Amino acid sequence: MAVRVIVKNGEPLEKTLRRLRKICNNEGLTRDIKRSSVYEKPSEQRRRKERERQKALRTAMKKAREKKTRRPARV
């Protein structure tokens, strides 16, 4: 996956690097690189994936609950 950051006219390099870092974090690239830099046992992979799946389910249920309990806007 290629990530491109266009340097805006007169923009300091530090600000450009900050934008690049933000994009990489949002895409999950830094997390994947850190994870792949150290060996992870297959059993640990299964546990991690199960935890991630459970977390996704919890957040989806929480959003559904919030959406269900919202009151319609008055006109």
PDB file of N, CA and C in Angstrom:
ATOM      1  N   MET A   1       0.839  -1.177   0.000  1.00  0.00           N
ATOM      2  CA  MET A   1       0.000   0.000   0.000  1.00  0.00           C
ATOM      3  C   MET A   1       0.885   1.242   0.000  1.00  0.00           C
ATOM      4  N   ALA A   2       0.623   2.138  -0.899  1.00  0.00           N
ATOM      5  CA  ALA A   2       1.406   3.367  -0.989  1.00  0.00           C
ATOM      6  C   ALA A   2       0.645   4.505  -0.323  1.00  0.00           C
ATOM      7  N   VAL A   3       1.343   5.226   0.521  1.00  0.00           N
ATOM      8  CA  VAL A   3       0.766   6.383   1.182  1.00  0.00           C
ATOM      9  C   VAL A   3       1.479   7.610   0.655  1.00  0.00           C
ATOM     10  N   ARG A   4       0.712   8.574   0.166  1.00  0.00           N
ATOM     11  CA  ARG A   4       1.307   9.791  -0.371  1.00  0.00           C
ATOM     12  C   ARG A   4       0.827  10.979   0.434  1.00  0.00           C
ATOM     13  N   VAL A   5       1.758  11.861   0.719  1.00  0.00           N
ATOM     14  CA  VAL A   5       1.447  13.111   1.377  1.00  0.00           C
ATOM     15  C   VAL A   5       2.021  14.220   0.518  1.00  0.00           C
ATOM     16  N   ILE A   6       1.162  15.097   0.058  1.00  0.00           N
ATOM     17  CA  ILE A   6       1.602  16.200  -0.788  1.00  0.00           C
ATOM     18  C   ILE A   6       1.970  17.372   0.114  1.00  0.00           C
ATOM     19  N   VAL A   7       3.160  17.898  -0.099  1.00  0.00           N
ATOM     20  CA  VAL A   7       3.627  19.039   0.683  1.00  0.00           C
ATOM     21  C   VAL A   7       2.951  20.290   0.133  1.00  0.00           C
ATOM     22  N   LYS A   8       2.233  20.982   1.007  1.00  0.00           N
ATOM     23  CA  LYS A   8       1.553  22.203   0.597  1.00  0.00           C
ATOM     24  C   LYS A   8       2.562  23.341   0.490  1.00  0.00           C
ATOM     25  N   ASN A   9       2.217  24.331  -0.262  1.00  0.00           N
ATOM     26  CA  ASN A   9       3.112  25.457  -0.520  1.00  0.00           C
ATOM     27  C   ASN A   9       3.433  26.194   0.785  1.00  0.00           C
ATOM     28  N   GLY A  10       4.706  26.251   1.141  1.00  0.00           N
ATOM     29  CA  GLY A  10       5.135  26.963   2.339  1.00  0.00           C
ATOM     30  C   GLY A  10       4.875  26.219   3.634  1.00  0.00           C
ATOM     31  N   GLU A  11       4.496  24.942   3.560  1.00  0.00           N
ATOM     32  CA  GLU A  11       4.215  24.160   4.767  1.00  0.00           C
ATOM     33  C   GLU A  11       5.516  23.637   5.368  1.00  0.00           C
ATOM     34  N   PRO A  12       5.686  23.771   6.696  1.00  0.00           N
ATOM     35  CA  PRO A  12       6.902  23.240   7.318  1.00  0.00           C
ATOM     36  C   PRO A  12       6.953  21.713   7.233  1.00  0.00           C
ATOM     37  N   LEU A  13       8.145  21.174   7.200  1.00  0.00           N
ATOM     38  CA  LEU A  13       8.329  19.725   7.087  1.00  0.00           C
ATOM     39  C   LEU A  13       7.734  18.993   8.283  1.00  0.00           C
ATOM     40  N   GLU A  14       7.838  19.583   9.484  1.00  0.00           N
ATOM     41  CA  GLU A  14       7.302  18.926  10.681  1.00  0.00           C
ATOM     42  C   GLU A  14       5.801  18.707  10.572  1.00  0.00           C
ATOM     43  N   LYS A  15       5.094  19.686  10.016  1.00  0.00           N
ATOM     44  CA  LYS A  15       3.648  19.565   9.859  1.00  0.00           C
ATOM     45  C   LYS A  15       3.300  18.480   8.852  1.00  0.00           C
ATOM     46  N   THR A  16       4.079  18.395   7.780  1.00  0.00           N
ATOM     47  CA  THR A  16       3.873  17.357   6.773  1.00  0.00           C
ATOM     48  C   THR A  16       4.107  15.972   7.372  1.00  0.00           C
ATOM     49  N   LEU A  17       5.169  15.834   8.155  1.00  0.00           N
ATOM     50  CA  LEU A  17       5.445  14.549   8.797  1.00  0.00           C
ATOM     51  C   LEU A  17       4.345  14.175   9.775  1.00  0.00           C
ATOM     52  N   ARG A  18       3.792  15.166  10.476  1.00  0.00           N
ATOM     53  CA  ARG A  18       2.687  14.916  11.405  1.00  0.00           C
ATOM     54  C   ARG A  18       1.466  14.379  10.653  1.00  0.00           C
ATOM     55  N   ARG A  19       1.175  14.965   9.478  1.00  0.00           N
ATOM     56  CA  ARG A  19       0.055  14.482   8.663  1.00  0.00           C
ATOM     57  C   ARG A  19       0.298  13.055   8.194  1.00  0.00           C
ATOM     58  N   LEU A  20       1.540  12.756   7.791  1.00  0.00           N
ATOM     59  CA  LEU A  20       1.888  11.399   7.360  1.00  0.00           C
ATOM     60  C   LEU A  20       1.691  10.414   8.507  1.00  0.00           C
ATOM     61  N   ARG A  21       2.172  10.773   9.690  1.00  0.00           N
ATOM     62  CA  ARG A  21       2.027   9.906  10.857  1.00  0.00           C
ATOM     63  C   ARG A  21       0.555   9.644  11.178  1.00  0.00           C
ATOM     64  N   LYS A  22      -0.265  10.683  11.068  1.00  0.00           N
ATOM     65  CA  LYS A  22      -1.694  10.560  11.344  1.00  0.00           C
ATOM     66  C   LYS A  22      -2.359   9.614  10.343  1.00  0.00           C
ATOM     67  N   ILE A  23      -2.009   9.748   9.068  1.00  0.00           N
ATOM     68  CA  ILE A  23      -2.564   8.871   8.038  1.00  0.00           C
ATOM     69  C   ILE A  23      -2.174   7.422   8.310  1.00  0.00           C
ATOM     70  N   CYS A  24      -0.907   7.198   8.641  1.00  0.00           N
ATOM     71  CA  CYS A  24      -0.424   5.837   8.907  1.00  0.00           C
ATOM     72  C   CYS A  24      -1.127   5.236  10.119  1.00  0.00           C
ATOM     73  N   ASN A  25      -1.337   6.028  11.160  1.00  0.00           N
ATOM     74  CA  ASN A  25      -2.033   5.525  12.341  1.00  0.00           C
ATOM     75  C   ASN A  25      -3.482   5.187  12.029  1.00  0.00           C
ATOM     76  N   ASN A  26      -4.154   6.042  11.265  1.00  0.00           N
ATOM     77  CA  ASN A  26      -5.549   5.787  10.928  1.00  0.00           C
ATOM     78  C   ASN A  26      -5.706   4.553  10.043  1.00  0.00           C
ATOM     79  N   GLU A  27      -4.750   4.304   9.187  1.00  0.00           N
ATOM     80  CA  GLU A  27      -4.796   3.136   8.315  1.00  0.00           C
ATOM     81  C   GLU A  27      -4.388   1.858   9.053  1.00  0.00           C
ATOM     82  N   GLY A  28      -3.763   2.004  10.204  1.00  0.00           N
ATOM     83  CA  GLY A  28      -3.326   0.843  10.973  1.00  0.00           C
ATOM     84  C   GLY A  28      -1.971   0.315  10.530  1.00  0.00           C
ATOM     85  N   LEU A  29      -1.247   1.084   9.749  1.00  0.00           N
ATOM     86  CA  LEU A  29       0.046   0.624   9.236  1.00  0.00           C
ATOM     87  C   LEU A  29       1.074   0.482  10.353  1.00  0.00           C
ATOM     88  N   THR A  30       1.134   1.449  11.251  1.00  0.00           N
ATOM     89  CA  THR A  30       2.133   1.381  12.319  1.00  0.00           C
ATOM     90  C   THR A  30       1.871   0.187  13.225  1.00  0.00           C
ATOM     91  N   ARG A  31       0.606  -0.095  13.500  1.00  0.00           N
ATOM     92  CA  ARG A  31       0.251  -1.238  14.345  1.00  0.00           C
ATOM     93  C   ARG A  31       0.681  -2.544  13.677  1.00  0.00           C
ATOM     94  N   ASP A  32       0.434  -2.663  12.363  1.00  0.00           N
ATOM     95  CA  ASP A  32       0.824  -3.875  11.638  1.00  0.00           C
ATOM     96  C   ASP A  32       2.339  -4.043  11.595  1.00  0.00           C
ATOM     97  N   ILE A  33       3.057  -2.951  11.409  1.00  0.00           N
ATOM     98  CA  ILE A  33       4.521  -3.033  11.354  1.00  0.00           C
ATOM     99  C   ILE A  33       5.075  -3.465  12.704  1.00  0.00           C
ATOM    100  N   LYS A  34       4.549  -2.888  13.776  1.00  0.00           N
ATOM    101  CA  LYS A  34       5.018  -3.279  15.104  1.00  0.00           C
ATOM    102  C   LYS A  34       4.688  -4.738  15.388  1.00  0.00           C
ATOM    103  N   ARG A  35       3.515  -5.175  14.974  1.00  0.00           N
ATOM    104  CA  ARG A  35       3.097  -6.552  15.218  1.00  0.00           C
ATOM    105  C   ARG A  35       3.962  -7.538  14.446  1.00  0.00           C
ATOM    106  N   SER A  36       4.316  -7.183  13.214  1.00  0.00           N
ATOM    107  CA  SER A  36       5.084  -8.110  12.385  1.00  0.00           C
ATOM    108  C   SER A  36       6.579  -8.085  12.711  1.00  0.00           C
ATOM    109  N   SER A  37       7.023  -7.116  13.493  1.00  0.00           N
ATOM    110  CA  SER A  37       8.447  -7.044  13.805  1.00  0.00           C
ATOM    111  C   SER A  37       8.857  -8.076  14.856  1.00  0.00           C
ATOM    112  N   VAL A  38       7.897  -8.611  15.610  1.00  0.00           N
ATOM    113  CA  VAL A  38       8.175  -9.593  16.659  1.00  0.00           C
ATOM    114  C   VAL A  38       7.349 -10.839  16.351  1.00  0.00           C
ATOM    115  N   TYR A  39       7.934 -12.002  16.558  1.00  0.00           N
ATOM    116  CA  TYR A  39       7.223 -13.249  16.298  1.00  0.00           C
ATOM    117  C   TYR A  39       6.052 -13.397  17.267  1.00  0.00           C
ATOM    118  N   GLU A  40       4.925 -13.797  16.714  1.00  0.00           N
ATOM    119  CA  GLU A  40       3.733 -14.031  17.521  1.00  0.00           C
ATOM    120  C   GLU A  40       3.304 -15.475  17.320  1.00  0.00           C
ATOM    121  N   LYS A  41       3.170 -16.185  18.421  1.00  0.00           N
ATOM    122  CA  LYS A  41       2.786 -17.585  18.330  1.00  0.00           C
ATOM    123  C   LYS A  41       1.374 -17.692  17.750  1.00  0.00           C
ATOM    124  N   PRO A  42       1.086 -18.804  17.056  1.00  0.00           N
ATOM    125  CA  PRO A  42      -0.248 -18.973  16.473  1.00  0.00           C
ATOM    126  C   PRO A  42      -1.371 -18.903  17.512  1.00  0.00           C
ATOM    127  N   SER A  43      -1.122 -19.435  18.709  1.00  0.00           N
ATOM    128  CA  SER A  43      -2.163 -19.374  19.740  1.00  0.00           C
ATOM    129  C   SER A  43      -2.415 -17.930  20.173  1.00  0.00           C
ATOM    130  N   GLU A  44      -1.354 -17.119  20.229  1.00  0.00           N
ATOM    131  CA  GLU A  44      -1.505 -15.709  20.577  1.00  0.00           C
ATOM    132  C   GLU A  44      -2.231 -14.954  19.469  1.00  0.00           C
ATOM    133  N   GLN A  45      -1.984 -15.326  18.222  1.00  0.00           N
ATOM    134  CA  GLN A  45      -2.700 -14.712  17.101  1.00  0.00           C
ATOM    135  C   GLN A  45      -4.191 -14.979  17.208  1.00  0.00           C
ATOM    136  N   ARG A  46      -4.545 -16.231  17.507  1.00  0.00           N
ATOM    137  CA  ARG A  46      -5.964 -16.582  17.645  1.00  0.00           C
ATOM    138  C   ARG A  46      -6.609 -15.788  18.772  1.00  0.00           C
ATOM    139  N   ARG A  47      -5.919 -15.696  19.906  1.00  0.00           N
ATOM    140  CA  ARG A  47      -6.472 -14.937  21.038  1.00  0.00           C
ATOM    141  C   ARG A  47      -6.656 -13.468  20.683  1.00  0.00           C
ATOM    142  N   ARG A  48      -5.649 -12.882  20.012  1.00  0.00           N
ATOM    143  CA  ARG A  48      -5.724 -11.468  19.639  1.00  0.00           C
ATOM    144  C   ARG A  48      -6.874 -11.226  18.672  1.00  0.00           C
ATOM    145  N   LYS A  49      -7.004 -12.086  17.662  1.00  0.00           N
ATOM    146  CA  LYS A  49      -8.079 -11.923  16.694  1.00  0.00           C
ATOM    147  C   LYS A  49      -9.447 -12.077  17.350  1.00  0.00           C
ATOM    148  N   GLU A  50      -9.558 -12.992  18.298  1.00  0.00           N
ATOM    149  CA  GLU A  50     -10.828 -13.172  19.022  1.00  0.00           C
ATOM    150  C   GLU A  50     -11.140 -11.932  19.856  1.00  0.00           C
ATOM    151  N   ARG A  51     -10.111 -11.369  20.521  1.00  0.00           N
ATOM    152  CA  ARG A  51     -10.332 -10.131  21.298  1.00  0.00           C
ATOM    153  C   ARG A  51     -10.766  -8.988  20.388  1.00  0.00           C
ATOM    154  N   GLU A  52     -10.135  -8.868  19.228  1.00  0.00           N
ATOM    155  CA  GLU A  52     -10.506  -7.816  18.289  1.00  0.00           C
ATOM    156  C   GLU A  52     -11.935  -8.011  17.786  1.00  0.00           C
ATOM    157  N   ARG A  53     -12.315  -9.260  17.540  1.00  0.00           N
ATOM    158  CA  ARG A  53     -13.669  -9.549  17.077  1.00  0.00           C
ATOM    159  C   ARG A  53     -14.690  -9.187  18.151  1.00  0.00           C
ATOM    160  N   GLN A  54     -14.392  -9.556  19.417  1.00  0.00           N
ATOM    161  CA  GLN A  54     -15.287  -9.232  20.522  1.00  0.00           C
ATOM    162  C   GLN A  54     -15.419  -7.715  20.691  1.00  0.00           C
ATOM    163  N   LYS A  55     -14.304  -7.010  20.562  1.00  0.00           N
ATOM    164  CA  LYS A  55     -14.324  -5.554  20.701  1.00  0.00           C
ATOM    165  C   LYS A  55     -15.182  -4.930  19.608  1.00  0.00           C
ATOM    166  N   ALA A  56     -15.062  -5.425  18.372  1.00  0.00           N
ATOM    167  CA  ALA A  56     -15.856  -4.899  17.262  1.00  0.00           C
ATOM    168  C   ALA A  56     -17.345  -5.151  17.503  1.00  0.00           C
ATOM    169  N   LEU A  57     -17.675  -6.335  18.030  1.00  0.00           N
ATOM    170  CA  LEU A  57     -19.074  -6.636  18.334  1.00  0.00           C
ATOM    171  C   LEU A  57     -19.614  -5.708  19.417  1.00  0.00           C
ATOM    172  N   ARG A  58     -18.805  -5.472  20.463  1.00  0.00           N
ATOM    173  CA  ARG A  58     -19.255  -4.592  21.547  1.00  0.00           C
ATOM    174  C   ARG A  58     -19.517  -3.183  21.049  1.00  0.00           C
ATOM    175  N   THR A  59     -18.607  -2.671  20.223  1.00  0.00           N
ATOM    176  CA  THR A  59     -18.794  -1.309  19.723  1.00  0.00           C
ATOM    177  C   THR A  59     -19.997  -1.230  18.783  1.00  0.00           C
ATOM    178  N   ALA A  60     -20.210  -2.264  17.967  1.00  0.00           N
ATOM    179  CA  ALA A  60     -21.366  -2.276  17.071  1.00  0.00           C
ATOM    180  C   ALA A  60     -22.668  -2.313  17.872  1.00  0.00           C
ATOM    181  N   MET A  61     -22.688  -3.128  18.929  1.00  0.00           N
ATOM    182  CA  MET A  61     -23.892  -3.201  19.767  1.00  0.00           C
ATOM    183  C   MET A  61     -24.128  -1.881  20.485  1.00  0.00           C
ATOM    184  N   LYS A  62     -23.058  -1.245  20.944  1.00  0.00           N
ATOM    185  CA  LYS A  62     -23.187   0.034  21.634  1.00  0.00           C
ATOM    186  C   LYS A  62     -23.756   1.093  20.691  1.00  0.00           C
ATOM    187  N   LYS A  63     -23.256   1.128  19.452  1.00  0.00           N
ATOM    188  CA  LYS A  63     -23.765   2.093  18.479  1.00  0.00           C
ATOM    189  C   LYS A  63     -25.227   1.821  18.155  1.00  0.00           C
ATOM    190  N   ALA A  64     -25.588   0.544  18.039  1.00  0.00           N
ATOM    191  CA  ALA A  64     -26.976   0.196  17.738  1.00  0.00           C
ATOM    192  C   ALA A  64     -27.886   0.622  18.888  1.00  0.00           C
ATOM    193  N   ARG A  65     -27.424   0.419  20.121  1.00  0.00           N
ATOM    194  CA  ARG A  65     -28.205   0.826  21.285  1.00  0.00           C
ATOM    195  C   ARG A  65     -28.393   2.332  21.318  1.00  0.00           C
ATOM    196  N   GLU A  66     -27.320   3.078  21.036  1.00  0.00           N
ATOM    197  CA  GLU A  66     -27.407   4.534  21.030  1.00  0.00           C
ATOM    198  C   GLU A  66     -28.340   5.021  19.930  1.00  0.00           C
ATOM    199  N   LYS A  67     -28.272   4.397  18.787  1.00  0.00           N
ATOM    200  CA  LYS A  67     -29.129   4.790  17.674  1.00  0.00           C
ATOM    201  C   LYS A  67     -30.592   4.513  18.003  1.00  0.00           C
ATOM    202  N   LYS A  68     -30.835   3.412  18.687  1.00  0.00           N
ATOM    203  CA  LYS A  68     -32.193   3.006  19.035  1.00  0.00           C
ATOM    204  C   LYS A  68     -32.808   3.941  20.073  1.00  0.00           C
ATOM    205  N   THR A  69     -32.002   4.443  21.011  1.00  0.00           N
ATOM    206  CA  THR A  69     -32.528   5.257  22.092  1.00  0.00           C
ATOM    207  C   THR A  69     -32.587   6.740  21.761  1.00  0.00           C
ATOM    208  N   ARG A  70     -32.058   7.165  20.617  1.00  0.00           N
ATOM    209  CA  ARG A  70     -32.112   8.580  20.244  1.00  0.00           C
ATOM    210  C   ARG A  70     -33.552   9.000  20.003  1.00  0.00           C
ATOM    211  N   ARG A  71     -33.836  10.214  20.421  1.00  0.00           N
ATOM    212  CA  ARG A  71     -35.166  10.753  20.176  1.00  0.00           C
ATOM    213  C   ARG A  71     -35.155  11.520  18.878  1.00  0.00           C
ATOM    214  N   PRO A  72     -36.254  11.466  18.134  1.00  0.00           N
ATOM    215  CA  PRO A  72     -36.288  12.208  16.877  1.00  0.00           C
ATOM    216  C   PRO A  72     -36.319  13.712  17.146  1.00  0.00           C
ATOM    217  N   ALA A  73     -35.754  14.478  16.245  1.00  0.00           N
ATOM    218  CA  ALA A  73     -35.705  15.924  16.396  1.00  0.00           C
ATOM    219  C   ALA A  73     -37.098  16.513  16.195  1.00  0.00           C
ATOM    220  N   ARG A  74     -37.420  17.517  17.012  1.00  0.00           N
ATOM    221  CA  ARG A  74     -38.716  18.171  16.880  1.00  0.00           C
ATOM    222  C   ARG A  74     -38.656  19.204  15.768  1.00  0.00           C
ATOM    223  N   VAL A  75     -39.760  19.313  15.058  1.00  0.00           N
ATOM    224  CA  VAL A  75     -39.819  20.258  13.947  1.00  0.00           C
ATOM    225  C   VAL A  75     -40.719  21.413  14.283  1.00  0.00           C
TER     226      VAL A  75
END
